[in-house]
Amino acid sequence: MREHTSIALLALAGACLSGCAYDEGLIIENLKGTIKIPIEAATRTIIDEEGNATELTDPRLIGPVYLGLYPSVAEANVLERYPHPELGPQYQTDVPGDAYPYGGISVGDIRFACLEFLTCKVVSGRYADWNSLVEWFQLIQQPILDNQGVEISDGEYLRQTCYDLLNVTSDAETRITAYEDRNGDGETNELDLDFVLDDAGEYYVGDFTLWQQEFFWDQDQENCTPGLDCKGFTLWGWMDAPSSLSFKYSTCEDGLGQNIEVYDADFIGGRPQADLLNFPSIYIDDGDWVVGNPYQWDNIDARPELILDFEVQ
């Protein structure tokens, strides 16, 4: 009896090992590259209370950048006035067809910033510290107000407000400001943000990684090696620029997200829209910046440079 049991267990173990070693033929890799955003996309003219105009160029004007992988991308003025992924069938009036992305990622994401005033206005990877966040809204003539309408001038106050509401104890948990030494210089500052100005002063440059992305290619193409030289999917994306009046982001849903009901605070903190990569045209507005030359990703080891150089007007 014991001998039969041992044999059965060995057979089961062998089956498990065999199943775990089965090659499904999938190509799954971390796909990496670089994004370049022209300084014009991070430039805005601000009017103060006295009517004086000031031109600002600042990485804090860079909104969330959404990247998607698509079957193909049409040129400007084919589907939209800007380059746009091909679409599936349209089933509802006034609702475009689905772009059916294979995958995607955002570089910088809309964050819950702990005050109703900041709902849909704050993106990760844009602020060196909490004072930088407070100073920015003062600079654009929209000083941050607490839930009683009192102006906030101290970044530490905002930090503690977030720590209390979120029950956290570190900046890494809030992911609102820079919190790690990305460039290895021993400091955590503006050089550790998602985008840093290049030496020529022409582009803000940042890296991206599409984690564990399954690779898709043209199944009808012959005499090629998938992941090496077969025609692959196309990388495309856009930057959601903040509204010129409210400085909110159109890719944020302010009626959803974290619900706060404590003391004098009663509001919903906002969250990114759920279908951004499926229906980009619903959310792309004037002033946003789109990839003008999408990248056809054939070789999984390639490190493409993607430039958001097409301003939507």
C-alpha atoms as a PDB file:
ATOM      1  CA  MET A   1       0.000   0.000   0.000  1.00  0.00           C
ATOM      2  CA  ARG A   2       2.804   2.367   0.903  1.00  0.00           C
ATOM      3  CA  GLU A   3       4.670   1.439  -2.283  1.00  0.00           C
ATOM      4  CA  HIS A   4       1.665   2.307  -4.454  1.00  0.00           C
ATOM      5  CA  THR A   5       1.230   5.620  -2.612  1.00  0.00           C
ATOM      6  CA  SER A   6       4.880   6.533  -3.185  1.00  0.00           C
ATOM      7  CA  ILE A   7       4.637   5.715  -6.876  1.00  0.00           C
ATOM      8  CA  ALA A   8       1.480   7.838  -7.210  1.00  0.00           C
ATOM      9  CA  LEU A   9       3.131  10.804  -5.503  1.00  0.00           C
ATOM     10  CA  LEU A  10       6.200  10.528  -7.717  1.00  0.00           C
ATOM     11  CA  ALA A  11       3.996  10.418 -10.807  1.00  0.00           C
ATOM     12  CA  LEU A  12       2.092  13.510  -9.643  1.00  0.00           C
ATOM     13  CA  ALA A  13       5.324  15.377  -8.940  1.00  0.00           C
ATOM     14  CA  GLY A  14       6.642  14.455 -12.367  1.00  0.00           C
ATOM     15  CA  ALA A  15       3.462  15.705 -14.022  1.00  0.00           C
ATOM     16  CA  CYS A  16       3.736  19.031 -12.164  1.00  0.00           C
ATOM     17  CA  LEU A  17       7.356  19.469 -13.187  1.00  0.00           C
ATOM     18  CA  SER A  18       6.518  18.644 -16.769  1.00  0.00           C
ATOM     19  CA  GLY A  19       3.622  21.109 -16.801  1.00  0.00           C
ATOM     20  CA  CYS A  20       5.682  23.903 -15.284  1.00  0.00           C
ATOM     21  CA  ALA A  21       8.335  23.429 -17.955  1.00  0.00           C
ATOM     22  CA  TYR A  22       5.869  23.599 -20.852  1.00  0.00           C
ATOM     23  CA  ASP A  23       6.835  26.234 -23.410  1.00  0.00           C
ATOM     24  CA  GLU A  24       3.748  28.155 -24.527  1.00  0.00           C
ATOM     25  CA  GLY A  25       5.676  29.889 -27.264  1.00  0.00           C
ATOM     26  CA  LEU A  26       5.006  33.358 -25.826  1.00  0.00           C
ATOM     27  CA  ILE A  27       7.505  36.191 -25.982  1.00  0.00           C
ATOM     28  CA  ILE A  28       7.215  38.206 -22.769  1.00  0.00           C
ATOM     29  CA  GLU A  29       9.793  40.890 -22.041  1.00  0.00           C
ATOM     30  CA  ASN A  30      10.332  44.191 -20.253  1.00  0.00           C
ATOM     31  CA  LEU A  31      10.354  46.644 -23.166  1.00  0.00           C
ATOM     32  CA  LYS A  32      12.303  49.832 -22.510  1.00  0.00           C
ATOM     33  CA  GLY A  33      12.873  53.160 -24.198  1.00  0.00           C
ATOM     34  CA  THR A  34      13.148  56.924 -23.851  1.00  0.00           C
ATOM     35  CA  ILE A  35      10.586  59.708 -24.097  1.00  0.00           C
ATOM     36  CA  LYS A  36      11.481  63.215 -25.251  1.00  0.00           C
ATOM     37  CA  ILE A  37       9.154  66.147 -24.624  1.00  0.00           C
ATOM     38  CA  PRO A  38       9.993  69.502 -26.279  1.00  0.00           C
ATOM     39  CA  ILE A  39      10.290  72.442 -23.897  1.00  0.00           C
ATOM     40  CA  GLU A  40       7.380  74.068 -25.740  1.00  0.00           C
ATOM     41  CA  ALA A  41       5.114  71.406 -24.226  1.00  0.00           C
ATOM     42  CA  ALA A  42       6.244  72.508 -20.763  1.00  0.00           C
ATOM     43  CA  THR A  43       5.798  76.229 -21.404  1.00  0.00           C
ATOM     44  CA  ARG A  44       2.803  78.302 -20.390  1.00  0.00           C
ATOM     45  CA  THR A  45       2.035  82.027 -20.078  1.00  0.00           C
ATOM     46  CA  ILE A  46       0.655  82.933 -16.645  1.00  0.00           C
ATOM     47  CA  ILE A  47      -1.300  86.129 -15.956  1.00  0.00           C
ATOM     48  CA  ASP A  48      -1.128  87.540 -12.430  1.00  0.00           C
ATOM     49  CA  GLU A  49      -3.811  89.531 -10.587  1.00  0.00           C
ATOM     50  CA  GLU A  50      -2.489  92.801 -12.024  1.00  0.00           C
ATOM     51  CA  GLY A  51      -2.603  91.518 -15.583  1.00  0.00           C
ATOM     52  CA  ASN A  52       1.130  90.999 -15.970  1.00  0.00           C
ATOM     53  CA  ALA A  53       2.138  88.087 -18.192  1.00  0.00           C
ATOM     54  CA  THR A  54       4.975  85.723 -17.287  1.00  0.00           C
ATOM     55  CA  GLU A  55       6.176  82.865 -19.465  1.00  0.00           C
ATOM     56  CA  LEU A  56       7.065  79.756 -17.491  1.00  0.00           C
ATOM     57  CA  THR A  57       8.976  76.718 -18.694  1.00  0.00           C
ATOM     58  CA  ASP A  58       8.901  74.052 -16.029  1.00  0.00           C
ATOM     59  CA  PRO A  59       8.698  70.219 -15.807  1.00  0.00           C
ATOM     60  CA  ARG A  60       5.768  70.653 -13.432  1.00  0.00           C
ATOM     61  CA  LEU A  61       3.742  71.571 -16.534  1.00  0.00           C
ATOM     62  CA  ILE A  62       4.311  68.083 -17.943  1.00  0.00           C
ATOM     63  CA  GLY A  63       1.146  66.093 -17.407  1.00  0.00           C
ATOM     64  CA  PRO A  64       0.802  62.316 -17.326  1.00  0.00           C
ATOM     65  CA  VAL A  65       2.245  60.649 -20.416  1.00  0.00           C
ATOM     66  CA  TYR A  66       0.265  57.659 -21.692  1.00  0.00           C
ATOM     67  CA  LEU A  67       1.935  55.076 -23.921  1.00  0.00           C
ATOM     68  CA  GLY A  68       0.128  52.280 -25.729  1.00  0.00           C
ATOM     69  CA  LEU A  69       1.004  49.434 -28.102  1.00  0.00           C
ATOM     70  CA  TYR A  70      -1.339  49.152 -31.095  1.00  0.00           C
ATOM     71  CA  PRO A  71      -1.752  47.187 -34.348  1.00  0.00           C
ATOM     72  CA  SER A  72      -1.016  50.374 -36.306  1.00  0.00           C
ATOM     73  CA  VAL A  73      -1.301  54.161 -36.120  1.00  0.00           C
ATOM     74  CA  ALA A  74      -2.871  56.391 -38.774  1.00  0.00           C
ATOM     75  CA  GLU A  75      -1.310  59.689 -39.811  1.00  0.00           C
ATOM     76  CA  ALA A  76      -2.805  63.035 -38.847  1.00  0.00           C
ATOM     77  CA  ASN A  77      -6.115  63.969 -40.533  1.00  0.00           C
ATOM     78  CA  VAL A  78      -7.013  60.366 -41.300  1.00  0.00           C
ATOM     79  CA  LEU A  79      -8.898  59.354 -38.154  1.00  0.00           C
ATOM     80  CA  GLU A  80      -8.241  62.503 -36.121  1.00  0.00           C
ATOM     81  CA  ARG A  81      -6.455  65.812 -36.679  1.00  0.00           C
ATOM     82  CA  TYR A  82      -3.446  64.199 -35.025  1.00  0.00           C
ATOM     83  CA  PRO A  83      -1.819  60.757 -35.423  1.00  0.00           C
ATOM     84  CA  HIS A  84      -4.143  58.198 -33.836  1.00  0.00           C
ATOM     85  CA  PRO A  85      -4.229  54.380 -33.492  1.00  0.00           C
ATOM     86  CA  GLU A  86      -6.412  52.397 -35.869  1.00  0.00           C
ATOM     87  CA  LEU A  87      -9.926  51.733 -34.577  1.00  0.00           C
ATOM     88  CA  GLY A  88     -12.276  48.794 -34.420  1.00  0.00           C
ATOM     89  CA  PRO A  89     -15.976  48.996 -35.367  1.00  0.00           C
ATOM     90  CA  GLN A  90     -18.111  51.795 -33.947  1.00  0.00           C
ATOM     91  CA  TYR A  91     -21.117  50.380 -32.100  1.00  0.00           C
ATOM     92  CA  GLN A  92     -22.547  53.505 -30.459  1.00  0.00           C
ATOM     93  CA  THR A  93     -23.299  56.948 -31.825  1.00  0.00           C
ATOM     94  CA  ASP A  94     -20.759  59.555 -30.657  1.00  0.00           C
ATOM     95  CA  VAL A  95     -18.547  56.821 -29.183  1.00  0.00           C
ATOM     96  CA  PRO A  96     -15.489  55.996 -31.308  1.00  0.00           C
ATOM     97  CA  GLY A  97     -14.409  52.459 -32.011  1.00  0.00           C
ATOM     98  CA  ASP A  98     -12.044  50.733 -29.613  1.00  0.00           C
ATOM     99  CA  ALA A  99      -8.319  51.053 -30.397  1.00  0.00           C
ATOM    100  CA  TYR A 100      -7.665  47.617 -28.825  1.00  0.00           C
ATOM    101  CA  PRO A 101      -4.234  48.210 -27.267  1.00  0.00           C
ATOM    102  CA  TYR A 102      -1.939  45.249 -26.628  1.00  0.00           C
ATOM    103  CA  GLY A 103      -0.640  46.940 -23.502  1.00  0.00           C
ATOM    104  CA  GLY A 104       0.639  50.217 -22.174  1.00  0.00           C
ATOM    105  CA  ILE A 105       1.840  52.325 -19.288  1.00  0.00           C
ATOM    106  CA  SER A 106       1.818  55.876 -17.962  1.00  0.00           C
ATOM    107  CA  VAL A 107       4.904  57.876 -17.042  1.00  0.00           C
ATOM    108  CA  GLY A 108       3.611  59.864 -14.123  1.00  0.00           C
ATOM    109  CA  ASP A 109       0.150  59.073 -12.828  1.00  0.00           C
ATOM    110  CA  ILE A 110      -2.616  61.158 -11.316  1.00  0.00           C
ATOM    111  CA  ARG A 111      -2.266  61.077  -7.550  1.00  0.00           C
ATOM    112  CA  PHE A 112      -4.611  61.541  -4.616  1.00  0.00           C
ATOM    113  CA  ALA A 113      -3.143  64.751  -3.141  1.00  0.00           C
ATOM    114  CA  CYS A 114      -5.144  64.844   0.111  1.00  0.00           C
ATOM    115  CA  LEU A 115      -7.073  68.089  -0.412  1.00  0.00           C
ATOM    116  CA  GLU A 116     -10.224  68.716  -2.412  1.00  0.00           C
ATOM    117  CA  PHE A 117      -8.506  71.732  -3.979  1.00  0.00           C
ATOM    118  CA  LEU A 118      -5.863  69.461  -5.532  1.00  0.00           C
ATOM    119  CA  THR A 119      -8.236  66.856  -6.970  1.00  0.00           C
ATOM    120  CA  CYS A 120      -7.134  65.930 -10.509  1.00  0.00           C
ATOM    121  CA  LYS A 121      -4.292  68.491 -10.423  1.00  0.00           C
ATOM    122  CA  VAL A 122      -1.294  66.483  -9.193  1.00  0.00           C
ATOM    123  CA  VAL A 123       0.858  63.997 -11.126  1.00  0.00           C
ATOM    124  CA  SER A 124       3.597  61.815  -9.674  1.00  0.00           C
ATOM    125  CA  GLY A 125       7.211  62.365 -10.687  1.00  0.00           C
ATOM    126  CA  ARG A 126       6.870  66.137 -11.161  1.00  0.00           C
ATOM    127  CA  TYR A 127       7.675  67.638  -7.740  1.00  0.00           C
ATOM    128  CA  ALA A 128      11.068  67.493  -6.039  1.00  0.00           C
ATOM    129  CA  ASP A 129       9.546  67.913  -2.579  1.00  0.00           C
ATOM    130  CA  TRP A 130       6.411  69.133  -0.813  1.00  0.00           C
ATOM    131  CA  ASN A 131       7.503  72.764  -0.827  1.00  0.00           C
ATOM    132  CA  SER A 132       7.979  72.491  -4.590  1.00  0.00           C
ATOM    133  CA  LEU A 133       4.333  71.465  -4.877  1.00  0.00           C
ATOM    134  CA  VAL A 134       3.095  74.368  -2.740  1.00  0.00           C
ATOM    135  CA  GLU A 135       5.337  76.889  -4.505  1.00  0.00           C
ATOM    136  CA  TRP A 136       4.173  75.713  -7.915  1.00  0.00           C
ATOM    137  CA  PHE A 137       0.538  76.532  -7.290  1.00  0.00           C
ATOM    138  CA  GLN A 138       1.555  79.913  -5.911  1.00  0.00           C
ATOM    139  CA  LEU A 139       3.581  80.507  -9.073  1.00  0.00           C
ATOM    140  CA  ILE A 140       0.635  79.777 -11.371  1.00  0.00           C
ATOM    141  CA  GLN A 141      -1.566  82.120  -9.332  1.00  0.00           C
ATOM    142  CA  GLN A 142      -3.644  79.321  -7.788  1.00  0.00           C
ATOM    143  CA  PRO A 143      -2.442  79.013  -4.169  1.00  0.00           C
ATOM    144  CA  ILE A 144      -3.462  75.777  -2.455  1.00  0.00           C
ATOM    145  CA  LEU A 145      -6.403  76.065  -0.059  1.00  0.00           C
ATOM    146  CA  ASP A 146      -7.198  73.674   2.756  1.00  0.00           C
ATOM    147  CA  ASN A 147     -10.682  72.306   3.356  1.00  0.00           C
ATOM    148  CA  GLN A 148     -11.654  75.478   5.225  1.00  0.00           C
ATOM    149  CA  GLY A 149     -10.484  77.755   2.417  1.00  0.00           C
ATOM    150  CA  VAL A 150      -7.275  78.839   4.150  1.00  0.00           C
ATOM    151  CA  GLU A 151      -4.169  79.189   1.990  1.00  0.00           C
ATOM    152  CA  ILE A 152      -1.395  76.654   2.588  1.00  0.00           C
ATOM    153  CA  SER A 153       2.132  78.030   2.394  1.00  0.00           C
ATOM    154  CA  ASP A 154       4.067  75.217   4.077  1.00  0.00           C
ATOM    155  CA  GLY A 155       4.895  71.966   2.310  1.00  0.00           C
ATOM    156  CA  GLU A 156       5.346  70.146   5.606  1.00  0.00           C
ATOM    157  CA  TYR A 157       1.708  70.852   6.500  1.00  0.00           C
ATOM    158  CA  LEU A 158       0.586  69.252   3.239  1.00  0.00           C
ATOM    159  CA  ARG A 159       2.861  66.278   3.822  1.00  0.00           C
ATOM    160  CA  GLN A 160       1.451  65.633   7.293  1.00  0.00           C
ATOM    161  CA  THR A 161      -2.093  65.996   5.960  1.00  0.00           C
ATOM    162  CA  CYS A 162      -1.364  63.215   3.452  1.00  0.00           C
ATOM    163  CA  TYR A 163       0.336  61.029   6.024  1.00  0.00           C
ATOM    164  CA  ASP A 164      -2.677  61.327   8.338  1.00  0.00           C
ATOM    165  CA  LEU A 165      -5.331  60.693   5.680  1.00  0.00           C
ATOM    166  CA  LEU A 166      -3.482  57.803   4.057  1.00  0.00           C
ATOM    167  CA  ASN A 167      -2.092  56.288   7.263  1.00  0.00           C
ATOM    168  CA  VAL A 168       1.448  56.237   5.862  1.00  0.00           C
ATOM    169  CA  THR A 169       4.827  57.340   7.173  1.00  0.00           C
ATOM    170  CA  SER A 170       6.966  57.961   4.084  1.00  0.00           C
ATOM    171  CA  ASP A 171       7.008  59.922   0.836  1.00  0.00           C
ATOM    172  CA  ALA A 172       7.541  56.656  -1.046  1.00  0.00           C
ATOM    173  CA  GLU A 173       4.062  55.558   0.016  1.00  0.00           C
ATOM    174  CA  THR A 174       2.346  58.744  -1.188  1.00  0.00           C
ATOM    175  CA  ARG A 175       4.310  58.841  -4.475  1.00  0.00           C
ATOM    176  CA  ILE A 176       3.634  62.546  -4.918  1.00  0.00           C
ATOM    177  CA  THR A 177       7.187  63.894  -4.637  1.00  0.00           C
ATOM    178  CA  ALA A 178      10.636  62.536  -5.534  1.00  0.00           C
ATOM    179  CA  TYR A 179      11.433  59.802  -3.021  1.00  0.00           C
ATOM    180  CA  GLU A 180      14.437  57.873  -4.345  1.00  0.00           C
ATOM    181  CA  ASP A 181      17.884  58.640  -5.724  1.00  0.00           C
ATOM    182  CA  ARG A 182      17.309  57.515  -9.306  1.00  0.00           C
ATOM    183  CA  ASN A 183      20.482  58.957 -10.816  1.00  0.00           C
ATOM    184  CA  GLY A 184      22.782  57.734  -8.049  1.00  0.00           C
ATOM    185  CA  ASP A 185      24.298  61.107  -7.140  1.00  0.00           C
ATOM    186  CA  GLY A 186      23.604  60.633  -3.434  1.00  0.00           C
ATOM    187  CA  GLU A 187      20.728  63.131  -3.304  1.00  0.00           C
ATOM    188  CA  THR A 188      16.994  63.103  -3.920  1.00  0.00           C
ATOM    189  CA  ASN A 189      15.969  66.207  -5.841  1.00  0.00           C
ATOM    190  CA  GLU A 190      14.646  67.526  -9.159  1.00  0.00           C
ATOM    191  CA  LEU A 191      17.169  65.370 -11.051  1.00  0.00           C
ATOM    192  CA  ASP A 192      15.266  62.302  -9.834  1.00  0.00           C
ATOM    193  CA  LEU A 193      11.944  63.261 -11.427  1.00  0.00           C
ATOM    194  CA  ASP A 194      10.391  61.438 -14.386  1.00  0.00           C
ATOM    195  CA  PHE A 195      11.657  64.062 -16.840  1.00  0.00           C
ATOM    196  CA  VAL A 196      14.911  66.024 -16.715  1.00  0.00           C
ATOM    197  CA  LEU A 197      16.029  68.770 -19.119  1.00  0.00           C
ATOM    198  CA  ASP A 198      18.733  67.608 -21.533  1.00  0.00           C
ATOM    199  CA  ASP A 199      22.101  69.324 -21.877  1.00  0.00           C
ATOM    200  CA  ALA A 200      20.990  71.190 -24.999  1.00  0.00           C
ATOM    201  CA  GLY A 201      17.979  72.648 -23.189  1.00  0.00           C
ATOM    202  CA  GLU A 202      15.615  71.458 -25.923  1.00  0.00           C
ATOM    203  CA  TYR A 203      13.842  68.423 -24.460  1.00  0.00           C
ATOM    204  CA  TYR A 204      12.731  67.007 -21.156  1.00  0.00           C
ATOM    205  CA  VAL A 205      13.878  63.403 -21.273  1.00  0.00           C
ATOM    206  CA  GLY A 206      12.669  60.391 -19.312  1.00  0.00           C
ATOM    207  CA  ASP A 207      12.781  56.605 -19.450  1.00  0.00           C
ATOM    208  CA  PHE A 208       9.906  54.144 -19.602  1.00  0.00           C
ATOM    209  CA  THR A 209       9.466  50.405 -19.117  1.00  0.00           C
ATOM    210  CA  LEU A 210       6.566  48.285 -20.327  1.00  0.00           C
ATOM    211  CA  TRP A 211       6.739  45.578 -17.687  1.00  0.00           C
ATOM    212  CA  GLN A 212       6.298  41.927 -18.720  1.00  0.00           C
ATOM    213  CA  GLN A 213       4.772  42.844 -22.054  1.00  0.00           C
ATOM    214  CA  GLU A 214       3.690  40.031 -24.350  1.00  0.00           C
ATOM    215  CA  PHE A 215       5.065  40.612 -27.823  1.00  0.00           C
ATOM    216  CA  PHE A 216       2.712  40.417 -30.820  1.00  0.00           C
ATOM    217  CA  TRP A 217       3.736  40.301 -34.479  1.00  0.00           C
ATOM    218  CA  ASP A 218       2.302  39.877 -37.973  1.00  0.00           C
ATOM    219  CA  GLN A 219       1.384  36.182 -38.127  1.00  0.00           C
ATOM    220  CA  ASP A 220       1.209  36.262 -41.931  1.00  0.00           C
ATOM    221  CA  GLN A 221       4.768  37.451 -42.410  1.00  0.00           C
ATOM    222  CA  GLU A 222       7.141  34.746 -43.607  1.00  0.00           C
ATOM    223  CA  ASN A 223      10.893  34.254 -43.358  1.00  0.00           C
ATOM    224  CA  CYS A 224      11.328  36.257 -40.175  1.00  0.00           C
ATOM    225  CA  THR A 225      12.048  35.606 -36.516  1.00  0.00           C
ATOM    226  CA  PRO A 226       9.425  36.844 -33.995  1.00  0.00           C
ATOM    227  CA  GLY A 227      10.920  39.337 -31.586  1.00  0.00           C
ATOM    228  CA  LEU A 228      13.823  39.978 -33.924  1.00  0.00           C
ATOM    229  CA  ASP A 229      12.720  41.115 -37.377  1.00  0.00           C
ATOM    230  CA  CYS A 230       9.015  40.263 -37.785  1.00  0.00           C
ATOM    231  CA  LYS A 231       6.706  43.255 -38.061  1.00  0.00           C
ATOM    232  CA  GLY A 232       5.602  44.005 -34.496  1.00  0.00           C
ATOM    233  CA  PHE A 233       3.097  46.286 -32.827  1.00  0.00           C
ATOM    234  CA  THR A 234       3.352  50.095 -32.863  1.00  0.00           C
ATOM    235  CA  LEU A 235       4.193  52.307 -29.891  1.00  0.00           C
ATOM    236  CA  TRP A 236       2.293  55.597 -29.653  1.00  0.00           C
ATOM    237  CA  GLY A 237       1.209  57.965 -26.913  1.00  0.00           C
ATOM    238  CA  TRP A 238       0.354  61.439 -25.731  1.00  0.00           C
ATOM    239  CA  MET A 239       0.805  63.914 -22.897  1.00  0.00           C
ATOM    240  CA  ASP A 240      -2.266  65.263 -21.138  1.00  0.00           C
ATOM    241  CA  ALA A 241      -1.530  68.963 -20.589  1.00  0.00           C
ATOM    242  CA  PRO A 242      -3.229  70.699 -17.635  1.00  0.00           C
ATOM    243  CA  SER A 243      -6.259  72.885 -18.315  1.00  0.00           C
ATOM    244  CA  SER A 244      -5.341  76.524 -18.933  1.00  0.00           C
ATOM    245  CA  LEU A 245      -7.923  77.660 -16.361  1.00  0.00           C
ATOM    246  CA  SER A 246      -8.337  75.027 -13.648  1.00  0.00           C
ATOM    247  CA  PHE A 247      -5.026  73.192 -14.184  1.00  0.00           C
ATOM    248  CA  LYS A 248      -6.929  69.921 -13.924  1.00  0.00           C
ATOM    249  CA  TYR A 249      -6.260  66.980 -16.230  1.00  0.00           C
ATOM    250  CA  SER A 250      -8.903  65.744 -18.657  1.00  0.00           C
ATOM    251  CA  THR A 251      -7.736  62.152 -18.132  1.00  0.00           C
ATOM    252  CA  CYS A 252      -8.825  62.332 -14.485  1.00  0.00           C
ATOM    253  CA  GLU A 253     -12.330  61.444 -13.260  1.00  0.00           C
ATOM    254  CA  ASP A 254     -13.030  63.748 -10.304  1.00  0.00           C
ATOM    255  CA  GLY A 255     -16.229  61.934  -9.325  1.00  0.00           C
ATOM    256  CA  LEU A 256     -14.421  58.684  -8.533  1.00  0.00           C
ATOM    257  CA  GLY A 257     -11.449  57.651  -6.452  1.00  0.00           C
ATOM    258  CA  GLN A 258     -10.697  57.756  -2.752  1.00  0.00           C
ATOM    259  CA  ASN A 259     -13.655  58.942  -0.677  1.00  0.00           C
ATOM    260  CA  ILE A 260     -12.663  61.103   2.294  1.00  0.00           C
ATOM    261  CA  GLU A 261     -15.112  61.724   5.135  1.00  0.00           C
ATOM    262  CA  VAL A 262     -13.178  62.880   8.200  1.00  0.00           C
ATOM    263  CA  TYR A 263     -13.539  65.969  10.372  1.00  0.00           C
ATOM    264  CA  ASP A 264     -13.978  68.939   8.014  1.00  0.00           C
ATOM    265  CA  ALA A 265     -13.019  66.967   4.895  1.00  0.00           C
ATOM    266  CA  ASP A 266     -15.744  65.458   2.719  1.00  0.00           C
ATOM    267  CA  PHE A 267     -14.695  64.907  -0.883  1.00  0.00           C
ATOM    268  CA  ILE A 268     -13.723  62.365  -3.545  1.00  0.00           C
ATOM    269  CA  GLY A 269     -10.077  62.451  -4.558  1.00  0.00           C
ATOM    270  CA  GLY A 270     -10.277  61.603  -8.275  1.00  0.00           C
ATOM    271  CA  ARG A 271      -8.603  58.867 -10.300  1.00  0.00           C
ATOM    272  CA  PRO A 272      -7.410  58.223 -13.879  1.00  0.00           C
ATOM    273  CA  GLN A 273     -10.070  57.307 -16.413  1.00  0.00           C
ATOM    274  CA  ALA A 274     -10.270  53.553 -16.972  1.00  0.00           C
ATOM    275  CA  ASP A 275     -10.313  53.459 -20.786  1.00  0.00           C
ATOM    276  CA  LEU A 276      -7.617  55.958 -21.760  1.00  0.00           C
ATOM    277  CA  LEU A 277      -5.702  53.666 -24.102  1.00  0.00           C
ATOM    278  CA  ASN A 278      -8.861  52.190 -25.627  1.00  0.00           C
ATOM    279  CA  PHE A 279     -10.491  55.535 -26.484  1.00  0.00           C
ATOM    280  CA  PRO A 280      -7.730  58.182 -26.587  1.00  0.00           C
ATOM    281  CA  SER A 281      -9.658  60.670 -28.729  1.00  0.00           C
ATOM    282  CA  ILE A 282     -12.285  61.107 -26.002  1.00  0.00           C
ATOM    283  CA  TYR A 283      -9.660  62.632 -23.725  1.00  0.00           C
ATOM    284  CA  ILE A 284      -7.180  64.365 -26.042  1.00  0.00           C
ATOM    285  CA  ASP A 285      -7.805  68.128 -26.139  1.00  0.00           C
ATOM    286  CA  ASP A 286      -6.229  71.244 -27.607  1.00  0.00           C
ATOM    287  CA  GLY A 287      -2.866  71.850 -25.985  1.00  0.00           C
ATOM    288  CA  ASP A 288      -2.050  68.164 -25.511  1.00  0.00           C
ATOM    289  CA  TRP A 289       1.038  66.729 -27.216  1.00  0.00           C
ATOM    290  CA  VAL A 290       1.010  63.533 -29.294  1.00  0.00           C
ATOM    291  CA  VAL A 291       3.725  61.285 -30.728  1.00  0.00           C
ATOM    292  CA  GLY A 292       4.146  62.466 -34.309  1.00  0.00           C
ATOM    293  CA  ASN A 293       6.194  59.474 -35.494  1.00  0.00           C
ATOM    294  CA  PRO A 294       5.039  56.238 -33.832  1.00  0.00           C
ATOM    295  CA  TYR A 295       7.563  53.450 -33.440  1.00  0.00           C
ATOM    296  CA  GLN A 296       7.048  50.031 -35.004  1.00  0.00           C
ATOM    297  CA  TRP A 297       8.539  47.646 -32.454  1.00  0.00           C
ATOM    298  CA  ASP A 298      10.043  44.666 -34.276  1.00  0.00           C
ATOM    299  CA  ASN A 299      13.071  43.814 -32.129  1.00  0.00           C
ATOM    300  CA  ILE A 300      12.400  43.238 -28.433  1.00  0.00           C
ATOM    301  CA  ASP A 301      15.945  44.386 -27.613  1.00  0.00           C
ATOM    302  CA  ALA A 302      15.474  47.765 -29.279  1.00  0.00           C
ATOM    303  CA  ARG A 303      15.457  50.900 -27.109  1.00  0.00           C
ATOM    304  CA  PRO A 304      13.314  53.375 -29.066  1.00  0.00           C
ATOM    305  CA  GLU A 305      13.337  57.126 -28.609  1.00  0.00           C
ATOM    306  CA  LEU A 306       9.774  58.431 -28.699  1.00  0.00           C
ATOM    307  CA  ILE A 307       9.214  62.166 -29.249  1.00  0.00           C
ATOM    308  CA  LEU A 308       5.944  63.880 -28.330  1.00  0.00           C
ATOM    309  CA  ASP A 309       6.319  66.587 -30.952  1.00  0.00           C
ATOM    310  CA  PHE A 310       2.796  67.012 -32.337  1.00  0.00           C
ATOM    311  CA  GLU A 311       0.778  69.717 -30.566  1.00  0.00           C
ATOM    312  CA  VAL A 312      -2.978  69.277 -30.808  1.00  0.00           C
ATOM    313  CA  GLN A 313      -4.622  72.521 -31.971  1.00  0.00           C
END
